[in-house]
C-alpha atoms as a PDB file:
ATOM      1  CA  MET A   1      44.175 -14.609  35.259  1.00  0.00           C
ATOM      2  CA  LYS A   2      45.379 -13.344  31.940  1.00  0.00           C
ATOM      3  CA  GLY A   3      42.749 -15.754  30.045  1.00  0.00           C
ATOM      4  CA  ALA A   4      39.652 -14.468  32.220  1.00  0.00           C
ATOM      5  CA  ILE A   5      40.192 -10.756  31.383  1.00  0.00           C
ATOM      6  CA  VAL A   6      40.145 -11.716  27.452  1.00  0.00           C
ATOM      7  CA  LEU A   7      37.405 -13.752  27.594  1.00  0.00           C
ATOM      8  CA  LYS A   8      35.359 -10.883  29.469  1.00  0.00           C
ATOM      9  CA  LYS A   9      36.162  -8.373  26.867  1.00  0.00           C
ATOM     10  CA  ARG A  10      35.220 -10.948  24.119  1.00  0.00           C
ATOM     11  CA  ILE A  11      32.192 -11.399  26.326  1.00  0.00           C
ATOM     12  CA  VAL A  12      31.304  -7.516  26.210  1.00  0.00           C
ATOM     13  CA  ILE A  13      32.521  -6.807  22.773  1.00  0.00           C
ATOM     14  CA  SER A  14      30.068  -9.868  21.652  1.00  0.00           C
ATOM     15  CA  PHE A  15      27.328  -8.169  23.773  1.00  0.00           C
ATOM     16  CA  VAL A  16      28.085  -4.477  22.249  1.00  0.00           C
ATOM     17  CA  PHE A  17      27.571  -6.139  18.844  1.00  0.00           C
ATOM     18  CA  VAL A  18      24.781  -7.881  19.056  1.00  0.00           C
ATOM     19  CA  LEU A  19      23.024  -4.787  20.748  1.00  0.00           C
ATOM     20  CA  LEU A  20      24.479  -2.740  17.668  1.00  0.00           C
ATOM     21  CA  VAL A  21      22.776  -5.089  15.581  1.00  0.00           C
ATOM     22  CA  PHE A  22      19.456  -5.074  17.233  1.00  0.00           C
ATOM     23  CA  SER A  23      19.486  -1.465  17.307  1.00  0.00           C
ATOM     24  CA  SER A  24      20.413  -0.963  13.758  1.00  0.00           C
ATOM     25  CA  VAL A  25      17.508  -3.330  12.558  1.00  0.00           C
ATOM     26  CA  THR A  26      14.955  -1.583  14.976  1.00  0.00           C
ATOM     27  CA  ILE A  27      15.900   1.761  14.115  1.00  0.00           C
ATOM     28  CA  TYR A  28      15.648   0.435  10.027  1.00  0.00           C
ATOM     29  CA  GLN A  29      12.252  -1.192  10.448  1.00  0.00           C
ATOM     30  CA  TYR A  30      10.940   2.031  12.337  1.00  0.00           C
ATOM     31  CA  VAL A  31      11.664   4.508   9.478  1.00  0.00           C
ATOM     32  CA  VAL A  32      10.590   2.202   6.205  1.00  0.00           C
ATOM     33  CA  LYS A  33       7.474   1.699   8.026  1.00  0.00           C
ATOM     34  CA  LYS A  34       7.111   5.489   9.017  1.00  0.00           C
ATOM     35  CA  ASP A  35       7.904   6.434   5.169  1.00  0.00           C
ATOM     36  CA  ARG A  36       5.951   3.309   3.602  1.00  0.00           C
ATOM     37  CA  TYR A  37       3.211   5.404   2.399  1.00  0.00           C
ATOM     38  CA  SER A  38       4.762   8.554   1.579  1.00  0.00           C
ATOM     39  CA  SER A  39       4.425   8.345  -2.085  1.00  0.00           C
ATOM     40  CA  VAL A  40       0.774   8.189  -2.115  1.00  0.00           C
ATOM     41  CA  SER A  41      -2.192  10.988  -1.573  1.00  0.00           C
ATOM     42  CA  ILE A  42      -4.234   8.689   0.231  1.00  0.00           C
ATOM     43  CA  VAL A  43      -3.717   5.395   2.078  1.00  0.00           C
ATOM     44  CA  PRO A  44      -7.383   2.737   2.440  1.00  0.00           C
ATOM     45  CA  GLU A  45      -5.941   0.992   5.374  1.00  0.00           C
ATOM     46  CA  GLN A  46      -6.040   4.393   7.361  1.00  0.00           C
ATOM     47  CA  ARG A  47      -9.550   5.118   6.413  1.00  0.00           C
ATOM     48  CA  ASN A  48     -13.081   4.238   7.986  1.00  0.00           C
ATOM     49  CA  ASP A  49     -14.853   4.949   4.467  1.00  0.00           C
ATOM     50  CA  LEU A  50     -12.480   3.247   1.891  1.00  0.00           C
ATOM     51  CA  PRO A  51     -12.208  -0.554   2.254  1.00  0.00           C
ATOM     52  CA  LEU A  52      -9.234  -2.375   0.978  1.00  0.00           C
ATOM     53  CA  TYR A  53     -10.095  -5.050  -1.504  1.00  0.00           C
ATOM     54  CA  GLU A  54      -8.800  -8.189   0.299  1.00  0.00           C
ATOM     55  CA  GLY A  55      -5.968  -9.388  -1.448  1.00  0.00           C
ATOM     56  CA  LEU A  56      -4.591  -6.184  -2.369  1.00  0.00           C
ATOM     57  CA  GLU A  57      -1.112  -5.629  -1.005  1.00  0.00           C
ATOM     58  CA  PHE A  58       0.322  -1.865  -0.808  1.00  0.00           C
ATOM     59  CA  GLN A  59       3.823  -2.115  -3.359  1.00  0.00           C
ATOM     60  CA  GLU A  60       6.101   1.426  -3.008  1.00  0.00           C
ATOM     61  CA  HIS A  61       3.105   3.543  -4.907  1.00  0.00           C
ATOM     62  CA  HIS A  62       0.311   1.162  -6.031  1.00  0.00           C
ATOM     63  CA  TYR A  63      -1.692  -2.044  -4.883  1.00  0.00           C
ATOM     64  CA  LEU A  64      -1.023  -5.528  -6.099  1.00  0.00           C
ATOM     65  CA  MET A  65      -2.407  -8.561  -6.117  1.00  0.00           C
ATOM     66  CA  LYS A  66      -1.592 -11.480  -8.208  1.00  0.00           C
ATOM     67  CA  GLY A  67      -3.760 -12.791 -11.044  1.00  0.00           C
ATOM     68  CA  ASN A  68      -6.245 -10.806 -13.411  1.00  0.00           C
ATOM     69  CA  HIS A  69      -8.659  -9.737 -10.864  1.00  0.00           C
ATOM     70  CA  TRP A  70      -9.391  -6.327 -12.161  1.00  0.00           C
ATOM     71  CA  TYR A  71     -12.589  -6.668 -13.101  1.00  0.00           C
ATOM     72  CA  ASP A  72     -13.667  -7.909  -9.523  1.00  0.00           C
ATOM     73  CA  ILE A  73     -11.862  -4.968  -8.108  1.00  0.00           C
ATOM     74  CA  TYR A  74     -13.883  -2.661 -10.290  1.00  0.00           C
ATOM     75  CA  GLU A  75     -17.281  -3.846  -9.393  1.00  0.00           C
ATOM     76  CA  PHE A  76     -16.231  -3.754  -5.545  1.00  0.00           C
ATOM     77  CA  TYR A  77     -15.471  -0.023  -5.386  1.00  0.00           C
ATOM     78  CA  ARG A  78     -18.214   0.675  -7.981  1.00  0.00           C
ATOM     79  CA  ASP A  79     -20.995  -0.749  -5.816  1.00  0.00           C
ATOM     80  CA  SER A  80     -19.282  -0.673  -1.947  1.00  0.00           C
ATOM     81  CA  LEU A  81     -18.258   2.866  -1.591  1.00  0.00           C
ATOM     82  CA  PRO A  82     -21.384   4.506  -2.309  1.00  0.00           C
ATOM     83  CA  SER A  83     -22.624   3.145   1.144  1.00  0.00           C
ATOM     84  CA  HIS A  84     -19.526   5.023   2.837  1.00  0.00           C
ATOM     85  CA  GLY A  85     -20.759   8.481   1.375  1.00  0.00           C
ATOM     86  CA  TRP A  86     -18.669   8.644  -1.870  1.00  0.00           C
ATOM     87  CA  LYS A  87     -20.691   9.596  -4.895  1.00  0.00           C
ATOM     88  CA  LEU A  88     -19.610   8.118  -8.152  1.00  0.00           C
ATOM     89  CA  VAL A  89     -19.428  10.789 -11.014  1.00  0.00           C
ATOM     90  CA  PHE A  90     -17.452   8.293 -13.170  1.00  0.00           C
ATOM     91  CA  LYS A  91     -16.827   4.928 -14.184  1.00  0.00           C
ATOM     92  CA  GLN A  92     -15.042   3.400 -17.340  1.00  0.00           C
ATOM     93  CA  ALA A  93     -14.306  -0.390 -17.910  1.00  0.00           C
ATOM     94  CA  SER A  94     -12.578  -1.987 -20.667  1.00  0.00           C
ATOM     95  CA  ILE A  95     -12.075  -6.078 -21.418  1.00  0.00           C
ATOM     96  CA  GLU A  96     -10.186  -5.213 -24.917  1.00  0.00           C
ATOM     97  CA  GLY A  97      -6.607  -5.435 -24.657  1.00  0.00           C
ATOM     98  CA  TRP A  98      -5.253  -6.534 -20.880  1.00  0.00           C
ATOM     99  CA  GLY A  99      -8.135  -4.966 -19.230  1.00  0.00           C
ATOM    100  CA  GLY A 100      -8.890  -2.366 -16.870  1.00  0.00           C
ATOM    101  CA  PHE A 101     -11.029   0.634 -15.291  1.00  0.00           C
ATOM    102  CA  MET A 102     -11.153   4.114 -13.938  1.00  0.00           C
ATOM    103  CA  LEU A 103     -13.735   5.103 -11.382  1.00  0.00           C
ATOM    104  CA  ARG A 104     -14.199   8.513  -9.815  1.00  0.00           C
ATOM    105  CA  PHE A 105     -15.697   9.459  -6.951  1.00  0.00           C
ATOM    106  CA  GLU A 106     -16.579  12.899  -4.591  1.00  0.00           C
ATOM    107  CA  LYS A 107     -16.867  13.401  -0.947  1.00  0.00           C
ATOM    108  CA  ASN A 108     -16.740  16.815   1.277  1.00  0.00           C
ATOM    109  CA  ASN A 109     -15.186  18.663  -1.933  1.00  0.00           C
ATOM    110  CA  LYS A 110     -12.370  15.699  -2.386  1.00  0.00           C
ATOM    111  CA  GLU A 111     -12.068  13.716  -5.334  1.00  0.00           C
ATOM    112  CA  LEU A 112     -11.137  10.007  -5.381  1.00  0.00           C
ATOM    113  CA  HIS A 113      -9.513   8.562  -8.030  1.00  0.00           C
ATOM    114  CA  ILE A 114      -9.209   4.777  -8.249  1.00  0.00           C
ATOM    115  CA  ASP A 115      -7.389   3.057 -11.441  1.00  0.00           C
ATOM    116  CA  GLY A 116      -6.323  -0.491 -12.550  1.00  0.00           C
ATOM    117  CA  GLY A 117      -5.814  -3.062 -14.532  1.00  0.00           C
ATOM    118  CA  TRP A 118      -4.293  -6.609 -15.412  1.00  0.00           C
ATOM    119  CA  ASN A 119      -0.519  -6.915 -16.441  1.00  0.00           C
ATOM    120  CA  PRO A 120      -0.683 -10.237 -18.173  1.00  0.00           C
ATOM    121  CA  TYR A 121       3.085 -10.558 -18.063  1.00  0.00           C
ATOM    122  CA  ALA A 122       3.637 -10.505 -14.501  1.00  0.00           C
ATOM    123  CA  ASN A 123       0.348 -11.776 -13.686  1.00  0.00           C
ATOM    124  CA  GLU A 124      -0.604  -8.870 -11.548  1.00  0.00           C
ATOM    125  CA  THR A 125      -3.573  -6.805 -11.291  1.00  0.00           C
ATOM    126  CA  GLU A 126      -2.137  -3.296 -10.260  1.00  0.00           C
ATOM    127  CA  THR A 127      -4.867  -0.764  -8.170  1.00  0.00           C
ATOM    128  CA  ILE A 128      -3.889   3.015  -7.696  1.00  0.00           C
ATOM    129  CA  PHE A 129      -5.743   5.209  -5.592  1.00  0.00           C
ATOM    130  CA  ASP A 130      -5.542   9.122  -5.425  1.00  0.00           C
ATOM    131  CA  LEU A 131      -6.791  11.657  -3.154  1.00  0.00           C
ATOM    132  CA  ASN A 132      -7.179  15.478  -4.446  1.00  0.00           C
ATOM    133  CA  PRO A 133      -9.367  18.609  -3.921  1.00  0.00           C
ATOM    134  CA  VAL A 134     -12.235  19.061  -6.301  1.00  0.00           C
ATOM    135  CA  GLN A 135     -11.236  21.223  -9.796  1.00  0.00           C
ATOM    136  CA  HIS A 136     -14.030  23.322 -10.075  1.00  0.00           C
END
């Protein structure tokens, strides 16, 4: 009889422990997902007029992709965003050094900056998106 009571207590304690771990993990995942994009002014995945270049993945405050893809990303945004209503107002690309680009578009009194470049030491291409009101 005493052994059965001890067994039931262990089962209840184990169940409560598993429930606590499960709920903690669920709450943590919710908070991380909710605050994931809090450091950026625009999220391409959440817009219909800003496609995300295939292979770019969000990391903290910028998008990364393994390998040297900066020129392909530059061409993609330079050529595709005008069909989404964005007007190209500035472009610059440099193959000297590591290679990188700057693009600026305007739409609905907003200014979209897209900057990117290749880091040969990490062998990664970084791309940053920034959306702000047009400054006159």
